[in-house]
C-alpha atoms as a PDB file:
ATOM      1  CA  MET A   1      -0.373   3.729  22.597  1.00  0.00           C
ATOM      2  CA  SER A   2       1.483   0.625  21.358  1.00  0.00           C
ATOM      3  CA  ASP A   3       1.962  -0.854  17.794  1.00  0.00           C
ATOM      4  CA  THR A   4       1.597  -4.354  19.190  1.00  0.00           C
ATOM      5  CA  GLN A   5      -1.377  -6.552  20.135  1.00  0.00           C
ATOM      6  CA  LYS A   6      -1.672  -9.975  21.851  1.00  0.00           C
ATOM      7  CA  ASN A   7      -2.139 -12.707  19.275  1.00  0.00           C
ATOM      8  CA  ASN A   8      -3.864 -16.023  19.965  1.00  0.00           C
ATOM      9  CA  ASP A   9      -0.909 -17.590  21.724  1.00  0.00           C
ATOM     10  CA  GLY A  10      -0.550 -14.602  23.983  1.00  0.00           C
ATOM     11  CA  HIS A  11       2.711 -13.173  22.397  1.00  0.00           C
ATOM     12  CA  ASN A  12       2.961  -9.566  21.197  1.00  0.00           C
ATOM     13  CA  SER A  13       2.684  -9.049  17.579  1.00  0.00           C
ATOM     14  CA  PRO A  14       2.717  -5.924  15.410  1.00  0.00           C
ATOM     15  CA  LEU A  15      -0.614  -4.495  14.278  1.00  0.00           C
ATOM     16  CA  GLN A  16      -1.318  -4.831  10.733  1.00  0.00           C
ATOM     17  CA  SER A  17      -1.238  -1.526   8.861  1.00  0.00           C
ATOM     18  CA  ALA A  18      -2.784  -0.504   5.533  1.00  0.00           C
ATOM     19  CA  VAL A  19      -2.699   2.458   3.308  1.00  0.00           C
ATOM     20  CA  ALA A  20      -4.944   3.125   0.281  1.00  0.00           C
ATOM     21  CA  LEU A  21      -3.659   5.311  -2.589  1.00  0.00           C
ATOM     22  CA  ALA A  22      -5.585   6.956  -5.411  1.00  0.00           C
ATOM     23  CA  TYR A  23      -4.228   8.461  -8.520  1.00  0.00           C
ATOM     24  CA  GLN A  24      -6.179  10.673 -10.912  1.00  0.00           C
ATOM     25  CA  ALA A  25      -4.914  11.232 -14.433  1.00  0.00           C
ATOM     26  CA  GLY A  26      -3.391  14.741 -14.578  1.00  0.00           C
ATOM     27  CA  SER A  27      -2.524  14.678 -10.807  1.00  0.00           C
ATOM     28  CA  SER A  28       1.082  15.459  -9.724  1.00  0.00           C
ATOM     29  CA  ALA A  29       1.291  12.234  -7.500  1.00  0.00           C
ATOM     30  CA  PRO A  30      -0.745   9.462  -5.980  1.00  0.00           C
ATOM     31  CA  THR A  31      -2.760  10.595  -2.849  1.00  0.00           C
ATOM     32  CA  VAL A  32      -3.158   8.727   0.495  1.00  0.00           C
ATOM     33  CA  VAL A  33      -6.807   8.253   0.690  1.00  0.00           C
ATOM     34  CA  ALA A  34      -7.129   5.934   3.651  1.00  0.00           C
ATOM     35  CA  LYS A  35      -4.822   4.568   6.419  1.00  0.00           C
ATOM     36  CA  GLY A  36      -4.913   2.690   9.586  1.00  0.00           C
ATOM     37  CA  LYS A  37      -3.885  -0.147  11.838  1.00  0.00           C
ATOM     38  CA  GLY A  38      -5.536  -3.118  13.329  1.00  0.00           C
ATOM     39  CA  LEU A  39      -9.320  -3.231  12.701  1.00  0.00           C
ATOM     40  CA  VAL A  40      -9.254  -0.160  10.449  1.00  0.00           C
ATOM     41  CA  ALA A  41      -6.446  -1.727   8.415  1.00  0.00           C
ATOM     42  CA  GLN A  42      -8.482  -4.816   7.973  1.00  0.00           C
ATOM     43  CA  ALA A  43     -11.567  -2.886   6.919  1.00  0.00           C
ATOM     44  CA  ILE A  44      -9.321  -1.148   4.318  1.00  0.00           C
ATOM     45  CA  ILE A  45      -8.092  -4.289   2.879  1.00  0.00           C
ATOM     46  CA  ASP A  46     -11.602  -5.924   2.950  1.00  0.00           C
ATOM     47  CA  ARG A  47     -13.065  -2.864   1.111  1.00  0.00           C
ATOM     48  CA  ALA A  48     -10.385  -3.058  -1.561  1.00  0.00           C
ATOM     49  CA  ARG A  49     -10.872  -6.657  -2.165  1.00  0.00           C
ATOM     50  CA  GLU A  50     -14.660  -6.287  -2.296  1.00  0.00           C
ATOM     51  CA  HIS A  51     -14.069  -3.838  -5.184  1.00  0.00           C
ATOM     52  CA  GLY A  52     -11.489  -6.077  -6.962  1.00  0.00           C
ATOM     53  CA  VAL A  53      -8.615  -3.846  -6.088  1.00  0.00           C
ATOM     54  CA  TYR A  54      -5.337  -5.641  -5.743  1.00  0.00           C
ATOM     55  CA  VAL A  55      -3.825  -5.527  -2.197  1.00  0.00           C
ATOM     56  CA  HIS A  56      -0.019  -5.501  -2.392  1.00  0.00           C
ATOM     57  CA  GLN A  57       1.913  -6.366   0.808  1.00  0.00           C
ATOM     58  CA  SER A  58       5.130  -4.520   1.576  1.00  0.00           C
ATOM     59  CA  LYS A  59       5.784  -3.662   5.331  1.00  0.00           C
ATOM     60  CA  GLU A  60       8.533  -1.240   4.355  1.00  0.00           C
ATOM     61  CA  LEU A  61       6.333   0.747   1.844  1.00  0.00           C
ATOM     62  CA  VAL A  62       3.340   0.767   4.195  1.00  0.00           C
ATOM     63  CA  ALA A  63       5.477   1.975   7.103  1.00  0.00           C
ATOM     64  CA  LEU A  64       6.686   5.025   4.815  1.00  0.00           C
ATOM     65  CA  LEU A  65       3.260   5.651   3.476  1.00  0.00           C
ATOM     66  CA  MET A  66       1.745   5.679   7.137  1.00  0.00           C
ATOM     67  CA  GLN A  67       3.789   8.875   7.617  1.00  0.00           C
ATOM     68  CA  VAL A  68       1.945  10.739   4.950  1.00  0.00           C
ATOM     69  CA  GLU A  69      -1.199  12.721   6.080  1.00  0.00           C
ATOM     70  CA  LEU A  70      -4.621  11.874   4.661  1.00  0.00           C
ATOM     71  CA  ASP A  71      -5.507  13.480   1.326  1.00  0.00           C
ATOM     72  CA  LYS A  72      -1.924  14.484   0.839  1.00  0.00           C
ATOM     73  CA  ASP A  73       0.311  13.478  -2.186  1.00  0.00           C
ATOM     74  CA  ILE A  74       3.051  10.891  -1.625  1.00  0.00           C
ATOM     75  CA  PRO A  75       6.404  12.398  -1.284  1.00  0.00           C
ATOM     76  CA  PRO A  76       8.845  12.578  -4.163  1.00  0.00           C
ATOM     77  CA  ALA A  77      11.080   9.952  -2.446  1.00  0.00           C
ATOM     78  CA  LEU A  78       8.399   7.383  -3.056  1.00  0.00           C
ATOM     79  CA  TYR A  79       7.553   8.157  -6.688  1.00  0.00           C
ATOM     80  CA  ARG A  80       9.640   5.529  -8.351  1.00  0.00           C
ATOM     81  CA  VAL A  81       8.649   2.580  -6.211  1.00  0.00           C
ATOM     82  CA  VAL A  82       4.820   3.581  -6.321  1.00  0.00           C
ATOM     83  CA  ALA A  83       5.077   4.308 -10.079  1.00  0.00           C
ATOM     84  CA  GLU A  84       6.633   0.801 -10.623  1.00  0.00           C
ATOM     85  CA  LEU A  85       3.815  -0.694  -8.494  1.00  0.00           C
ATOM     86  CA  LEU A  86       1.017   1.257 -10.328  1.00  0.00           C
ATOM     87  CA  ALA A  87       2.531   0.254 -13.772  1.00  0.00           C
ATOM     88  CA  TRP A  88       2.512  -3.439 -12.593  1.00  0.00           C
ATOM     89  CA  LEU A  89      -1.066  -3.038 -11.389  1.00  0.00           C
ATOM     90  CA  TYR A  90      -2.152  -1.655 -14.753  1.00  0.00           C
ATOM     91  CA  HIS A  91      -0.277  -4.586 -16.474  1.00  0.00           C
ATOM     92  CA  ILE A  92      -2.230  -6.983 -14.272  1.00  0.00           C
ATOM     93  CA  GLU A  93      -5.553  -5.414 -15.186  1.00  0.00           C
ATOM     94  CA  LYS A  94      -4.796  -5.616 -18.778  1.00  0.00           C
ATOM     95  CA  GLN A  95      -3.871  -9.287 -18.483  1.00  0.00           C
ATOM     96  CA  GLN A  96      -7.127  -9.905 -16.476  1.00  0.00           C
ATOM     97  CA  ASN A  97      -8.978  -8.348 -19.143  1.00  0.00           C
ATOM     98  CA  ALA A  98      -7.394 -10.463 -21.777  1.00  0.00           C
ATOM     99  CA  GLY A  99      -7.935 -13.707 -19.618  1.00  0.00           C
ATOM    100  CA  GLU A 100      -4.220 -14.387 -19.189  1.00  0.00           C
ATOM    101  CA  ILE A 101      -2.546 -15.919 -16.063  1.00  0.00           C
ATOM    102  CA  ILE A 102      -1.304 -13.332 -13.606  1.00  0.00           C
ATOM    103  CA  PRO A 103       2.113 -13.424 -11.728  1.00  0.00           C
ATOM    104  CA  PHE A 104       1.860 -13.301  -7.909  1.00  0.00           C
ATOM    105  CA  THR A 105       4.342 -10.412  -7.143  1.00  0.00           C
ATOM    106  CA  PRO A 106       5.822  -7.381  -8.907  1.00  0.00           C
ATOM    107  CA  SER A 107       9.254  -6.753  -9.525  1.00  0.00           C
ATOM    108  CA  ILE A 108       9.828  -3.302  -8.037  1.00  0.00           C
ATOM    109  CA  SER A 109      12.742  -1.335  -6.826  1.00  0.00           C
ATOM    110  CA  PRO A 110      13.402  -1.785  -3.069  1.00  0.00           C
ATOM    111  CA  VAL A 111      12.247   0.709  -0.710  1.00  0.00           C
ATOM    112  CA  SER A 112      15.029   2.808   0.975  1.00  0.00           C
ATOM    113  CA  ASP A 113      16.335   1.679   4.232  1.00  0.00           C
ATOM    114  CA  ASN A 114      15.290   5.116   5.719  1.00  0.00           C
ATOM    115  CA  SER A 115      12.646   4.810   8.268  1.00  0.00           C
ATOM    116  CA  LYS A 116      11.342   8.357   7.724  1.00  0.00           C
ATOM    117  CA  ILE A 117      10.460  10.376   4.779  1.00  0.00           C
ATOM    118  CA  THR A 118      10.476  14.063   4.147  1.00  0.00           C
ATOM    119  CA  PRO A 119       7.882  15.728   2.039  1.00  0.00           C
END
């Protein structure tokens, strides 16, 4: 199975990927609750937007999170970047509730250049 598909002009392009995380207060780490490529990825994104969930785009982070099994916690190597992203999202939610203008992108630590993660 290939990670590419034909786009409208006949060239190969990577399939879109998406990962959904959930974090419950008191949990040790966020959990991967959905992931997929192509139509499944688009369905995850559409569902998030329908429910007012912010969709952050980071090919590097998504590639690493795609390696985590469903219903498993993210690995410690990703704690910092995901924590920074979640903190930014909580800040956005607070601003939205106060009616303030929201910045477009968070300032979070870069994801490691490593293409694999270890649990």
